[in-house]
Amino acid sequence: MTTTATTPSRSVVALVAVLLCAGGALSVLLVDRADAGPSSGGGQPLAAPPQVPDPGGYTFLASGADGQPVRWDPCRPVQVVVRPDGEPPGGREAVLAALADVGAATGLVLQVEGETDEPPSAERPGSDVARYGDRFSPVLLAWSDAAEHPPLAGAIGVAGPVASAPDRAGESSWVSGTVVLDAAWFGDNLAHDTGSRRAAAVLRHELAHLVGLGHSRDPFSLMSPAYQSVFEPSLADRAGLARLGGGPCS
């Protein structure tokens, strides 16, 4: 994928989609829309991120005007819908476990609200009123292949969040996103114990992108862009995830 970056105008309502392929490059897509949908009503965070030492060494997909990472609203759940087409045996259980792991690492509540027939798209809009009503679209998690979803060519997963347009203070938050997984690769790996550990690691890697964590230069990090048979997040990975869960309520 070719690396491109576009700065959104504050005079329009826009959605910025950030997609990261496992082992691939960063792509940023700017989508202008007339109505970005409702935002969170504030309140108290649903949970707190864990306290972990911070050695640095992690990256974020995007940062705001204050230098803090763009984050999800911790006062509402991150809703996920799953397209079940092509889901391999054990796939749903692996997804639920990975959502719980990343939720525990961030303090965010990541939950599956149901299933969908929505196909994955590299230009998915941030809102689909016909499918999901007058709101930001929930995160789409789909099992697929490179024939249907070309960004999967040479990758076993593609994931990224979608940001709201900057407010008057220049700040954005993640409001939607996409996770697309290679169904055949996961089917092969979920069929045996070692492969299941590998699949769980890849799922955590992609979901870490979804919540805003970037790649690491450390080859022994779960967030390394090239899979190195690392099954657990490094201390730097966990520190970055904890920071992503510590944002203010929108």
Foldseek 3Di string as FASTA:
>chain_A
DDADDDADDLVFKWKWWWKDFQLDDIYIDIGTDRDLFDADPFDDFPFAADDADAPDQWAWPAAWPVRAGAFAFRNDAQEEAEACVLAAVCNVVLLVVLQVVLCRLAVHHYDYPYYDNDDDDPPDDQDDCVGPRRHGDHEYEYADACVRPVVCVVGQKMKAFMWIQQHPVRGIHTGHMYIYGHSVQLNVQVVDDLSSLVVSLVSNLRVLRHRTIAAGPDQLASRHSHDDSRRDGDSNSSNVSHSNNPDGHD
